[in-house]
Amino acid sequence: MSYSDHVMGAAVFDLNGLPKEYFTTPEGNNMSWVQTIFQALGLRSLLMSSLQLEGFHHVTILGSESAAVVVKQKNHYIALLIKPQAAIDEAFIDWVQTFELSELKNNPRFRTP
């Protein structure tokens, strides 16, 4: 099973934390999790500027029915909603850092709302 099999939804945010593009699957049709990611990116921005922190790489948000992983790539943030049984380890984070949106666009499981 590949990592993309664990993905139930995806959202792309620009570097300012504003949402740009969404992808859903039949098992991840509810997009309310995107609001949580939007708020987390706003909080990250506030903390980074207030505390003068550097080096944000990723954040994991655990929910009761799923988890979300947000990773900063070169030109945007990518947030993936994943199944709760998926292992969020260093290898998974590395995969997300190099993740290409074309993988979702070419996968028939994913659609844009």
PDB file of N, CA and C in Angstrom:
ATOM      1  N   MET A   1       0.838  -1.175   0.000  1.00  0.00           N
ATOM      2  CA  MET A   1       0.000   0.000   0.000  1.00  0.00           C
ATOM      3  C   MET A   1       0.887   1.244   0.000  1.00  0.00           C
ATOM      4  N   SER A   2       0.582   2.177  -0.864  1.00  0.00           N
ATOM      5  CA  SER A   2       1.389   3.397  -0.935  1.00  0.00           C
ATOM      6  C   SER A   2       0.836   4.444   0.022  1.00  0.00           C
ATOM      7  N   TYR A   3       1.639   5.447   0.298  1.00  0.00           N
ATOM      8  CA  TYR A   3       1.202   6.527   1.185  1.00  0.00           C
ATOM      9  C   TYR A   3      -0.051   7.209   0.662  1.00  0.00           C
ATOM     10  N   SER A   4      -0.159   7.375  -0.646  1.00  0.00           N
ATOM     11  CA  SER A   4      -1.322   8.083  -1.198  1.00  0.00           C
ATOM     12  C   SER A   4      -2.622   7.325  -0.942  1.00  0.00           C
ATOM     13  N   ASP A   5      -2.548   6.035  -0.684  1.00  0.00           N
ATOM     14  CA  ASP A   5      -3.755   5.267  -0.350  1.00  0.00           C
ATOM     15  C   ASP A   5      -4.340   5.678   0.997  1.00  0.00           C
ATOM     16  N   HIS A   6      -3.537   6.297   1.854  1.00  0.00           N
ATOM     17  CA  HIS A   6      -3.999   6.743   3.165  1.00  0.00           C
ATOM     18  C   HIS A   6      -4.583   8.149   3.129  1.00  0.00           C
ATOM     19  N   VAL A   7      -4.440   8.847   2.012  1.00  0.00           N
ATOM     20  CA  VAL A   7      -4.894  10.232   1.912  1.00  0.00           C
ATOM     21  C   VAL A   7      -6.384  10.264   1.589  1.00  0.00           C
ATOM     22  N   MET A   8      -7.149  11.005   2.407  1.00  0.00           N
ATOM     23  CA  MET A   8      -8.592  11.145   2.207  1.00  0.00           C
ATOM     24  C   MET A   8      -8.961  12.517   1.654  1.00  0.00           C
ATOM     25  N   GLY A   9      -8.048  13.456   1.713  1.00  0.00           N
ATOM     26  CA  GLY A   9      -8.296  14.787   1.191  1.00  0.00           C
ATOM     27  C   GLY A   9      -7.000  15.571   1.185  1.00  0.00           C
ATOM     28  N   ALA A  10      -6.994  16.641   0.424  1.00  0.00           N
ATOM     29  CA  ALA A  10      -5.795  17.477   0.348  1.00  0.00           C
ATOM     30  C   ALA A  10      -6.207  18.917   0.115  1.00  0.00           C
ATOM     31  N   ALA A  11      -5.397  19.814   0.619  1.00  0.00           N
ATOM     32  CA  ALA A  11      -5.609  21.240   0.383  1.00  0.00           C
ATOM     33  C   ALA A  11      -4.248  21.891   0.210  1.00  0.00           C
ATOM     34  N   VAL A  12      -4.218  22.862  -0.679  1.00  0.00           N
ATOM     35  CA  VAL A  12      -2.991  23.613  -0.931  1.00  0.00           C
ATOM     36  C   VAL A  12      -3.233  25.039  -0.456  1.00  0.00           C
ATOM     37  N   PHE A  13      -2.271  25.568   0.299  1.00  0.00           N
ATOM     38  CA  PHE A  13      -2.327  26.932   0.818  1.00  0.00           C
ATOM     39  C   PHE A  13      -1.123  27.688   0.294  1.00  0.00           C
ATOM     40  N   ASP A  14      -1.303  28.968  -0.009  1.00  0.00           N
ATOM     41  CA  ASP A  14      -0.139  29.753  -0.421  1.00  0.00           C
ATOM     42  C   ASP A  14       0.730  30.028   0.806  1.00  0.00           C
ATOM     43  N   LEU A  15       1.852  30.672   0.610  1.00  0.00           N
ATOM     44  CA  LEU A  15       2.791  30.899   1.720  1.00  0.00           C
ATOM     45  C   LEU A  15       2.258  31.884   2.753  1.00  0.00           C
ATOM     46  N   ASN A  16       1.164  32.590   2.435  1.00  0.00           N
ATOM     47  CA  ASN A  16       0.501  33.457   3.408  1.00  0.00           C
ATOM     48  C   ASN A  16      -0.551  32.696   4.215  1.00  0.00           C
ATOM     49  N   GLY A  17      -0.762  31.430   3.882  1.00  0.00           N
ATOM     50  CA  GLY A  17      -1.727  30.608   4.596  1.00  0.00           C
ATOM     51  C   GLY A  17      -3.129  30.655   4.024  1.00  0.00           C
ATOM     52  N   LEU A  18      -3.285  31.201   2.826  1.00  0.00           N
ATOM     53  CA  LEU A  18      -4.608  31.272   2.204  1.00  0.00           C
ATOM     54  C   LEU A  18      -4.842  30.044   1.325  1.00  0.00           C
ATOM     55  N   PRO A  19      -6.036  29.435   1.431  1.00  0.00           N
ATOM     56  CA  PRO A  19      -6.310  28.233   0.644  1.00  0.00           C
ATOM     57  C   PRO A  19      -6.385  28.535  -0.847  1.00  0.00           C
ATOM     58  N   LYS A  20      -5.837  27.619  -1.653  1.00  0.00           N
ATOM     59  CA  LYS A  20      -5.813  27.790  -3.107  1.00  0.00           C
ATOM     60  C   LYS A  20      -6.561  26.685  -3.841  1.00  0.00           C
ATOM     61  N   GLU A  21      -6.402  25.446  -3.399  1.00  0.00           N
ATOM     62  CA  GLU A  21      -6.945  24.313  -4.145  1.00  0.00           C
ATOM     63  C   GLU A  21      -7.289  23.185  -3.172  1.00  0.00           C
ATOM     64  N   TYR A  22      -8.370  22.444  -3.472  1.00  0.00           N
ATOM     65  CA  TYR A  22      -8.823  21.343  -2.622  1.00  0.00           C
ATOM     66  C   TYR A  22      -9.012  20.084  -3.447  1.00  0.00           C
ATOM     67  N   PHE A  23      -8.835  18.950  -2.779  1.00  0.00           N
ATOM     68  CA  PHE A  23      -9.110  17.652  -3.380  1.00  0.00           C
ATOM     69  C   PHE A  23      -9.848  16.813  -2.353  1.00  0.00           C
ATOM     70  N   THR A  24     -10.882  16.102  -2.779  1.00  0.00           N
ATOM     71  CA  THR A  24     -11.638  15.233  -1.881  1.00  0.00           C
ATOM     72  C   THR A  24     -11.654  13.817  -2.438  1.00  0.00           C
ATOM     73  N   THR A  25     -12.034  12.892  -1.573  1.00  0.00           N
ATOM     74  CA  THR A  25     -12.268  11.503  -1.958  1.00  0.00           C
ATOM     75  C   THR A  25     -13.632  11.128  -1.398  1.00  0.00           C
ATOM     76  N   PRO A  26     -14.201  10.009  -1.817  1.00  0.00           N
ATOM     77  CA  PRO A  26     -15.494   9.601  -1.248  1.00  0.00           C
ATOM     78  C   PRO A  26     -15.460   9.451   0.276  1.00  0.00           C
ATOM     79  N   GLU A  27     -14.345   8.992   0.836  1.00  0.00           N
ATOM     80  CA  GLU A  27     -14.270   8.831   2.296  1.00  0.00           C
ATOM     81  C   GLU A  27     -13.890  10.118   3.025  1.00  0.00           C
ATOM     82  N   GLY A  28     -13.483  11.144   2.314  1.00  0.00           N
ATOM     83  CA  GLY A  28     -13.105  12.417   2.934  1.00  0.00           C
ATOM     84  C   GLY A  28     -13.837  13.581   2.293  1.00  0.00           C
ATOM     85  N   ASN A  29     -15.144  13.470   2.164  1.00  0.00           N
ATOM     86  CA  ASN A  29     -15.936  14.468   1.449  1.00  0.00           C
ATOM     87  C   ASN A  29     -16.168  15.745   2.253  1.00  0.00           C
ATOM     88  N   ASN A  30     -16.114  15.678   3.569  1.00  0.00           N
ATOM     89  CA  ASN A  30     -16.335  16.833   4.433  1.00  0.00           C
ATOM     90  C   ASN A  30     -15.070  17.695   4.450  1.00  0.00           C
ATOM     91  N   MET A  31     -15.209  18.946   4.079  1.00  0.00           N
ATOM     92  CA  MET A  31     -14.044  19.827   3.978  1.00  0.00           C
ATOM     93  C   MET A  31     -13.856  20.714   5.209  1.00  0.00           C
ATOM     94  N   SER A  32     -14.558  20.430   6.303  1.00  0.00           N
ATOM     95  CA  SER A  32     -14.440  21.280   7.492  1.00  0.00           C
ATOM     96  C   SER A  32     -13.029  21.276   8.077  1.00  0.00           C
ATOM     97  N   TRP A  33     -12.261  20.246   7.831  1.00  0.00           N
ATOM     98  CA  TRP A  33     -10.902  20.164   8.357  1.00  0.00           C
ATOM     99  C   TRP A  33     -10.010  21.259   7.772  1.00  0.00           C
ATOM    100  N   VAL A  34     -10.363  21.776   6.592  1.00  0.00           N
ATOM    101  CA  VAL A  34      -9.563  22.821   5.952  1.00  0.00           C
ATOM    102  C   VAL A  34      -9.568  24.090   6.807  1.00  0.00           C
ATOM    103  N   GLN A  35     -10.691  24.372   7.472  1.00  0.00           N
ATOM    104  CA  GLN A  35     -10.766  25.532   8.369  1.00  0.00           C
ATOM    105  C   GLN A  35      -9.769  25.386   9.517  1.00  0.00           C
ATOM    106  N   THR A  36      -9.649  24.192  10.047  1.00  0.00           N
ATOM    107  CA  THR A  36      -8.684  23.950  11.133  1.00  0.00           C
ATOM    108  C   THR A  36      -7.259  24.198  10.646  1.00  0.00           C
ATOM    109  N   ILE A  37      -6.956  23.762   9.445  1.00  0.00           N
ATOM    110  CA  ILE A  37      -5.619  23.981   8.882  1.00  0.00           C
ATOM    111  C   ILE A  37      -5.376  25.471   8.672  1.00  0.00           C
ATOM    112  N   PHE A  38      -6.372  26.167   8.147  1.00  0.00           N
ATOM    113  CA  PHE A  38      -6.277  27.612   7.938  1.00  0.00           C
ATOM    114  C   PHE A  38      -5.956  28.312   9.267  1.00  0.00           C
ATOM    115  N   GLN A  39      -6.659  27.925  10.337  1.00  0.00           N
ATOM    116  CA  GLN A  39      -6.405  28.506  11.661  1.00  0.00           C
ATOM    117  C   GLN A  39      -5.017  28.139  12.180  1.00  0.00           C
ATOM    118  N   ALA A  40      -4.592  26.901  11.940  1.00  0.00           N
ATOM    119  CA  ALA A  40      -3.260  26.478  12.387  1.00  0.00           C
ATOM    120  C   ALA A  40      -2.168  27.261  11.670  1.00  0.00           C
ATOM    121  N   LEU A  41      -2.344  27.516  10.384  1.00  0.00           N
ATOM    122  CA  LEU A  41      -1.349  28.299   9.650  1.00  0.00           C
ATOM    123  C   LEU A  41      -1.333  29.749  10.122  1.00  0.00           C
ATOM    124  N   GLY A  42      -2.495  30.292  10.473  1.00  0.00           N
ATOM    125  CA  GLY A  42      -2.552  31.643  11.044  1.00  0.00           C
ATOM    126  C   GLY A  42      -1.845  31.696  12.387  1.00  0.00           C
ATOM    127  N   LEU A  43      -2.061  30.694  13.220  1.00  0.00           N
ATOM    128  CA  LEU A  43      -1.386  30.622  14.516  1.00  0.00           C
ATOM    129  C   LEU A  43       0.119  30.466  14.327  1.00  0.00           C
ATOM    130  N   ARG A  44       0.518  29.658  13.372  1.00  0.00           N
ATOM    131  CA  ARG A  44       1.939  29.485  13.086  1.00  0.00           C
ATOM    132  C   ARG A  44       2.566  30.822  12.709  1.00  0.00           C
ATOM    133  N   SER A  45       1.879  31.578  11.862  1.00  0.00           N
ATOM    134  CA  SER A  45       2.391  32.877  11.436  1.00  0.00           C
ATOM    135  C   SER A  45       2.535  33.824  12.623  1.00  0.00           C
ATOM    136  N   LEU A  46       1.534  33.834  13.479  1.00  0.00           N
ATOM    137  CA  LEU A  46       1.571  34.688  14.662  1.00  0.00           C
ATOM    138  C   LEU A  46       2.717  34.287  15.591  1.00  0.00           C
ATOM    139  N   LEU A  47       2.851  33.012  15.861  1.00  0.00           N
ATOM    140  CA  LEU A  47       3.918  32.543  16.752  1.00  0.00           C
ATOM    141  C   LEU A  47       5.304  32.793  16.162  1.00  0.00           C
ATOM    142  N   MET A  48       5.433  32.567  14.864  1.00  0.00           N
ATOM    143  CA  MET A  48       6.738  32.768  14.223  1.00  0.00           C
ATOM    144  C   MET A  48       7.162  34.232  14.316  1.00  0.00           C
ATOM    145  N   SER A  49       6.213  35.160  14.102  1.00  0.00           N
ATOM    146  CA  SER A  49       6.580  36.570  14.145  1.00  0.00           C
ATOM    147  C   SER A  49       6.748  37.063  15.581  1.00  0.00           C
ATOM    148  N   SER A  50       5.904  36.609  16.495  1.00  0.00           N
ATOM    149  CA  SER A  50       5.988  37.054  17.887  1.00  0.00           C
ATOM    150  C   SER A  50       7.228  36.515  18.589  1.00  0.00           C
ATOM    151  N   LEU A  51       7.517  35.251  18.360  1.00  0.00           N
ATOM    152  CA  LEU A  51       8.645  34.613  19.045  1.00  0.00           C
ATOM    153  C   LEU A  51       9.908  34.579  18.197  1.00  0.00           C
ATOM    154  N   GLN A  52       9.810  35.121  16.992  1.00  0.00           N
ATOM    155  CA  GLN A  52      10.923  35.151  16.056  1.00  0.00           C
ATOM    156  C   GLN A  52      11.536  33.762  15.863  1.00  0.00           C
ATOM    157  N   LEU A  53      10.634  32.799  15.642  1.00  0.00           N
ATOM    158  CA  LEU A  53      11.055  31.421  15.389  1.00  0.00           C
ATOM    159  C   LEU A  53      11.313  31.228  13.909  1.00  0.00           C
ATOM    160  N   GLU A  54      12.151  30.301  13.582  1.00  0.00           N
ATOM    161  CA  GLU A  54      12.444  29.984  12.193  1.00  0.00           C
ATOM    162  C   GLU A  54      12.383  28.478  12.004  1.00  0.00           C
ATOM    163  N   GLY A  55      12.235  28.068  10.772  1.00  0.00           N
ATOM    164  CA  GLY A  55      12.389  26.657  10.454  1.00  0.00           C
ATOM    165  C   GLY A  55      11.147  25.805  10.565  1.00  0.00           C
ATOM    166  N   PHE A  56       9.963  26.352  10.331  1.00  0.00           N
ATOM    167  CA  PHE A  56       8.762  25.532  10.318  1.00  0.00           C
ATOM    168  C   PHE A  56       8.863  24.518   9.188  1.00  0.00           C
ATOM    169  N   HIS A  57       8.689  23.238   9.500  1.00  0.00           N
ATOM    170  CA  HIS A  57       8.757  22.199   8.477  1.00  0.00           C
ATOM    171  C   HIS A  57       7.436  21.465   8.316  1.00  0.00           C
ATOM    172  N   HIS A  58       6.818  21.098   9.447  1.00  0.00           N
ATOM    173  CA  HIS A  58       5.539  20.406   9.369  1.00  0.00           C
ATOM    174  C   HIS A  58       4.815  20.478  10.709  1.00  0.00           C
ATOM    175  N   VAL A  59       3.526  20.209  10.632  1.00  0.00           N
ATOM    176  CA  VAL A  59       2.702  20.113  11.832  1.00  0.00           C
ATOM    177  C   VAL A  59       1.713  18.973  11.611  1.00  0.00           C
ATOM    178  N   THR A  60       1.389  18.264  12.683  1.00  0.00           N
ATOM    179  CA  THR A  60       0.413  17.188  12.637  1.00  0.00           C
ATOM    180  C   THR A  60      -0.729  17.557  13.565  1.00  0.00           C
ATOM    181  N   ILE A  61      -1.941  17.441  13.075  1.00  0.00           N
ATOM    182  CA  ILE A  61      -3.135  17.722  13.865  1.00  0.00           C
ATOM    183  C   ILE A  61      -3.913  16.418  13.947  1.00  0.00           C
ATOM    184  N   LEU A  62      -4.057  15.900  15.154  1.00  0.00           N
ATOM    185  CA  LEU A  62      -4.730  14.621  15.345  1.00  0.00           C
ATOM    186  C   LEU A  62      -6.182  14.855  15.722  1.00  0.00           C
ATOM    187  N   GLY A  63      -7.083  14.160  15.033  1.00  0.00           N
ATOM    188  CA  GLY A  63      -8.500  14.207  15.339  1.00  0.00           C
ATOM    189  C   GLY A  63      -8.978  12.826  15.744  1.00  0.00           C
ATOM    190  N   SER A  64     -10.237  12.726  16.106  1.00  0.00           N
ATOM    191  CA  SER A  64     -10.759  11.432  16.547  1.00  0.00           C
ATOM    192  C   SER A  64     -10.982  10.477  15.378  1.00  0.00           C
ATOM    193  N   GLU A  65     -11.258  11.008  14.184  1.00  0.00           N
ATOM    194  CA  GLU A  65     -11.552  10.162  13.041  1.00  0.00           C
ATOM    195  C   GLU A  65     -10.508  10.239  11.928  1.00  0.00           C
ATOM    196  N   SER A  66      -9.570  11.147  12.064  1.00  0.00           N
ATOM    197  CA  SER A  66      -8.542  11.319  11.043  1.00  0.00           C
ATOM    198  C   SER A  66      -7.420  12.170  11.615  1.00  0.00           C
ATOM    199  N   ALA A  67      -6.409  12.381  10.807  1.00  0.00           N
ATOM    200  CA  ALA A  67      -5.299  13.265  11.167  1.00  0.00           C
ATOM    201  C   ALA A  67      -4.990  14.124   9.952  1.00  0.00           C
ATOM    202  N   ALA A  68      -4.402  15.256  10.193  1.00  0.00           N
ATOM    203  CA  ALA A  68      -3.971  16.119   9.098  1.00  0.00           C
ATOM    204  C   ALA A  68      -2.497  16.425   9.283  1.00  0.00           C
ATOM    205  N   VAL A  69      -1.790  16.432   8.182  1.00  0.00           N
ATOM    206  CA  VAL A  69      -0.379  16.768   8.179  1.00  0.00           C
ATOM    207  C   VAL A  69      -0.203  17.959   7.246  1.00  0.00           C
ATOM    208  N   VAL A  70       0.460  18.995   7.747  1.00  0.00           N
ATOM    209  CA  VAL A  70       0.733  20.183   6.941  1.00  0.00           C
ATOM    210  C   VAL A  70       2.238  20.292   6.795  1.00  0.00           C
ATOM    211  N   VAL A  71       2.687  20.393   5.561  1.00  0.00           N
ATOM    212  CA  VAL A  71       4.113  20.460   5.272  1.00  0.00           C
ATOM    213  C   VAL A  71       4.370  21.670   4.382  1.00  0.00           C
ATOM    214  N   LYS A  72       5.422  22.401   4.719  1.00  0.00           N
ATOM    215  CA  LYS A  72       5.827  23.522   3.888  1.00  0.00           C
ATOM    216  C   LYS A  72       6.694  22.995   2.756  1.00  0.00           C
ATOM    217  N   GLN A  73       6.247  23.259   1.539  1.00  0.00           N
ATOM    218  CA  GLN A  73       7.058  22.975   0.371  1.00  0.00           C
ATOM    219  C   GLN A  73       7.644  24.297  -0.115  1.00  0.00           C
ATOM    220  N   LYS A  74       8.318  24.289  -1.224  1.00  0.00           N
ATOM    221  CA  LYS A  74       9.019  25.483  -1.691  1.00  0.00           C
ATOM    222  C   LYS A  74       8.079  26.670  -1.928  1.00  0.00           C
ATOM    223  N   ASN A  75       6.957  26.450  -2.617  1.00  0.00           N
ATOM    224  CA  ASN A  75       6.084  27.552  -3.019  1.00  0.00           C
ATOM    225  C   ASN A  75       4.722  27.572  -2.339  1.00  0.00           C
ATOM    226  N   HIS A  76       4.464  26.619  -1.447  1.00  0.00           N
ATOM    227  CA  HIS A  76       3.157  26.551  -0.805  1.00  0.00           C
ATOM    228  C   HIS A  76       3.208  25.577   0.377  1.00  0.00           C
ATOM    229  N   TYR A  77       2.087  25.533   1.070  1.00  0.00           N
ATOM    230  CA  TYR A  77       1.883  24.513   2.106  1.00  0.00           C
ATOM    231  C   TYR A  77       0.942  23.478   1.514  1.00  0.00           C
ATOM    232  N   ILE A  78       1.178  22.225   1.823  1.00  0.00           N
ATOM    233  CA  ILE A  78       0.246  21.177   1.431  1.00  0.00           C
ATOM    234  C   ILE A  78      -0.257  20.514   2.705  1.00  0.00           C
ATOM    235  N   ALA A  79      -1.569  20.368   2.778  1.00  0.00           N
ATOM    236  CA  ALA A  79      -2.201  19.716   3.919  1.00  0.00           C
ATOM    237  C   ALA A  79      -2.880  18.454   3.418  1.00  0.00           C
ATOM    238  N   LEU A  80      -2.613  17.350   4.080  1.00  0.00           N
ATOM    239  CA  LEU A  80      -3.223  16.080   3.714  1.00  0.00           C
ATOM    240  C   LEU A  80      -4.050  15.560   4.874  1.00  0.00           C
ATOM    241  N   LEU A  81      -5.296  15.226   4.602  1.00  0.00           N
ATOM    242  CA  LEU A  81      -6.149  14.551   5.570  1.00  0.00           C
ATOM    243  C   LEU A  81      -5.906  13.073   5.381  1.00  0.00           C
ATOM    244  N   ILE A  82      -5.511  12.400   6.456  1.00  0.00           N
ATOM    245  CA  ILE A  82      -5.143  10.993   6.316  1.00  0.00           C
ATOM    246  C   ILE A  82      -5.957  10.126   7.264  1.00  0.00           C
ATOM    247  N   LYS A  83      -6.047   8.864   6.900  1.00  0.00           N
ATOM    248  CA  LYS A  83      -6.770   7.884   7.706  1.00  0.00           C
ATOM    249  C   LYS A  83      -6.069   7.732   9.053  1.00  0.00           C
ATOM    250  N   PRO A  84      -6.854   7.478  10.113  1.00  0.00           N
ATOM    251  CA  PRO A  84      -6.251   7.432  11.456  1.00  0.00           C
ATOM    252  C   PRO A  84      -5.226   6.326  11.645  1.00  0.00           C
ATOM    253  N   GLN A  85      -5.310   5.256  10.892  1.00  0.00           N
ATOM    254  CA  GLN A  85      -4.354   4.157  11.067  1.00  0.00           C
ATOM    255  C   GLN A  85      -3.036   4.389  10.337  1.00  0.00           C
ATOM    256  N   ALA A  86      -2.950   5.457   9.569  1.00  0.00           N
ATOM    257  CA  ALA A  86      -1.706   5.746   8.844  1.00  0.00           C
ATOM    258  C   ALA A  86      -0.605   6.152   9.819  1.00  0.00           C
ATOM    259  N   ALA A  87       0.571   5.638   9.606  1.00  0.00           N
ATOM    260  CA  ALA A  87       1.709   5.972  10.459  1.00  0.00           C
ATOM    261  C   ALA A  87       2.306   7.298   9.997  1.00  0.00           C
ATOM    262  N   ILE A  88       2.359   8.250  10.912  1.00  0.00           N
ATOM    263  CA  ILE A  88       2.960   9.547  10.598  1.00  0.00           C
ATOM    264  C   ILE A  88       4.369   9.525  11.180  1.00  0.00           C
ATOM    265  N   ASP A  89       5.275   9.014  10.378  1.00  0.00           N
ATOM    266  CA  ASP A  89       6.662   8.934  10.816  1.00  0.00           C
ATOM    267  C   ASP A  89       7.517   9.808   9.914  1.00  0.00           C
ATOM    268  N   GLU A  90       8.795   9.777  10.139  1.00  0.00           N
ATOM    269  CA  GLU A  90       9.711  10.622   9.361  1.00  0.00           C
ATOM    270  C   GLU A  90       9.662  10.308   7.869  1.00  0.00           C
ATOM    271  N   ALA A  91       9.513   9.049   7.521  1.00  0.00           N
ATOM    272  CA  ALA A  91       9.432   8.661   6.111  1.00  0.00           C
ATOM    273  C   ALA A  91       8.177   9.248   5.465  1.00  0.00           C
ATOM    274  N   PHE A  92       7.064   9.261   6.201  1.00  0.00           N
ATOM    275  CA  PHE A  92       5.833   9.843   5.671  1.00  0.00           C
ATOM    276  C   PHE A  92       6.001  11.346   5.461  1.00  0.00           C
ATOM    277  N   ILE A  93       6.600  12.043   6.421  1.00  0.00           N
ATOM    278  CA  ILE A  93       6.831  13.488   6.297  1.00  0.00           C
ATOM    279  C   ILE A  93       7.746  13.763   5.103  1.00  0.00           C
ATOM    280  N   ASP A  94       8.783  12.957   4.921  1.00  0.00           N
ATOM    281  CA  ASP A  94       9.670  13.111   3.763  1.00  0.00           C
ATOM    282  C   ASP A  94       8.897  12.944   2.458  1.00  0.00           C
ATOM    283  N   TRP A  95       7.975  11.970   2.430  1.00  0.00           N
ATOM    284  CA  TRP A  95       7.155  11.751   1.242  1.00  0.00           C
ATOM    285  C   TRP A  95       6.293  12.980   0.950  1.00  0.00           C
ATOM    286  N   VAL A  96       5.680  13.554   2.004  1.00  0.00           N
ATOM    287  CA  VAL A  96       4.826  14.733   1.809  1.00  0.00           C
ATOM    288  C   VAL A  96       5.658  15.923   1.325  1.00  0.00           C
ATOM    289  N   GLN A  97       6.883  16.068   1.805  1.00  0.00           N
ATOM    290  CA  GLN A  97       7.721  17.192   1.392  1.00  0.00           C
ATOM    291  C   GLN A  97       8.038  17.155  -0.098  1.00  0.00           C
ATOM    292  N   THR A  98       8.050  15.990  -0.685  1.00  0.00           N
ATOM    293  CA  THR A  98       8.336  15.873  -2.118  1.00  0.00           C
ATOM    294  C   THR A  98       7.080  15.552  -2.925  1.00  0.00           C
ATOM    295  N   PHE A  99       5.952  15.577  -2.261  1.00  0.00           N
ATOM    296  CA  PHE A  99       4.678  15.226  -2.885  1.00  0.00           C
ATOM    297  C   PHE A  99       4.336  16.186  -4.019  1.00  0.00           C
ATOM    298  N   GLU A 100       3.915  15.636  -5.131  1.00  0.00           N
ATOM    299  CA  GLU A 100       3.516  16.426  -6.298  1.00  0.00           C
ATOM    300  C   GLU A 100       1.999  16.380  -6.434  1.00  0.00           C
ATOM    301  N   LEU A 101       1.378  17.541  -6.617  1.00  0.00           N
ATOM    302  CA  LEU A 101      -0.074  17.602  -6.773  1.00  0.00           C
ATOM    303  C   LEU A 101      -0.568  16.822  -7.982  1.00  0.00           C
ATOM    304  N   SER A 102       0.270  16.650  -8.958  1.00  0.00           N
ATOM    305  CA  SER A 102      -0.131  15.881 -10.141  1.00  0.00           C
ATOM    306  C   SER A 102      -0.520  14.457  -9.765  1.00  0.00           C
ATOM    307  N   GLU A 103       0.035  13.957  -8.650  1.00  0.00           N
ATOM    308  CA  GLU A 103      -0.324  12.622  -8.188  1.00  0.00           C
ATOM    309  C   GLU A 103      -1.815  12.548  -7.840  1.00  0.00           C
ATOM    310  N   LEU A 104      -2.349  13.621  -7.253  1.00  0.00           N
ATOM    311  CA  LEU A 104      -3.780  13.656  -6.942  1.00  0.00           C
ATOM    312  C   LEU A 104      -4.611  13.940  -8.185  1.00  0.00           C
ATOM    313  N   LYS A 105      -4.127  14.841  -9.012  1.00  0.00           N
ATOM    314  CA  LYS A 105      -4.872  15.217 -10.217  1.00  0.00           C
ATOM    315  C   LYS A 105      -5.029  14.035 -11.171  1.00  0.00           C
ATOM    316  N   ASN A 106      -4.069  13.133 -11.162  1.00  0.00           N
ATOM    317  CA  ASN A 106      -4.108  11.977 -12.055  1.00  0.00           C
ATOM    318  C   ASN A 106      -4.720  10.739 -11.415  1.00  0.00           C
ATOM    319  N   ASN A 107      -5.088  10.824 -10.142  1.00  0.00           N
ATOM    320  CA  ASN A 107      -5.644   9.688  -9.425  1.00  0.00           C
ATOM    321  C   ASN A 107      -7.179   9.783  -9.460  1.00  0.00           C
ATOM    322  N   PRO A 108      -7.876   8.772  -9.977  1.00  0.00           N
ATOM    323  CA  PRO A 108      -9.331   8.846 -10.090  1.00  0.00           C
ATOM    324  C   PRO A 108     -10.063   8.900  -8.745  1.00  0.00           C
ATOM    325  N   ARG A 109      -9.405   8.563  -7.637  1.00  0.00           N
ATOM    326  CA  ARG A 109     -10.034   8.685  -6.306  1.00  0.00           C
ATOM    327  C   ARG A 109     -10.269  10.132  -5.913  1.00  0.00           C
ATOM    328  N   PHE A 110      -9.491  11.051  -6.449  1.00  0.00           N
ATOM    329  CA  PHE A 110      -9.539  12.446  -6.032  1.00  0.00           C
ATOM    330  C   PHE A 110     -10.285  13.299  -7.033  1.00  0.00           C
ATOM    331  N   ARG A 111     -11.036  14.251  -6.476  1.00  0.00           N
ATOM    332  CA  ARG A 111     -11.732  15.217  -7.323  1.00  0.00           C
ATOM    333  C   ARG A 111     -11.679  16.577  -6.650  1.00  0.00           C
ATOM    334  N   THR A 112     -11.858  17.606  -7.430  1.00  0.00           N
ATOM    335  CA  THR A 112     -11.924  18.952  -6.876  1.00  0.00           C
ATOM    336  C   THR A 112     -13.387  19.322  -6.707  1.00  0.00           C
ATOM    337  N   PRO A 113     -13.757  19.839  -5.532  1.00  0.00           N
ATOM    338  CA  PRO A 113     -15.171  20.179  -5.284  1.00  0.00           C
ATOM    339  C   PRO A 113     -15.632  21.375  -6.113  1.00  0.00           C
TER     340      PRO A 113
END
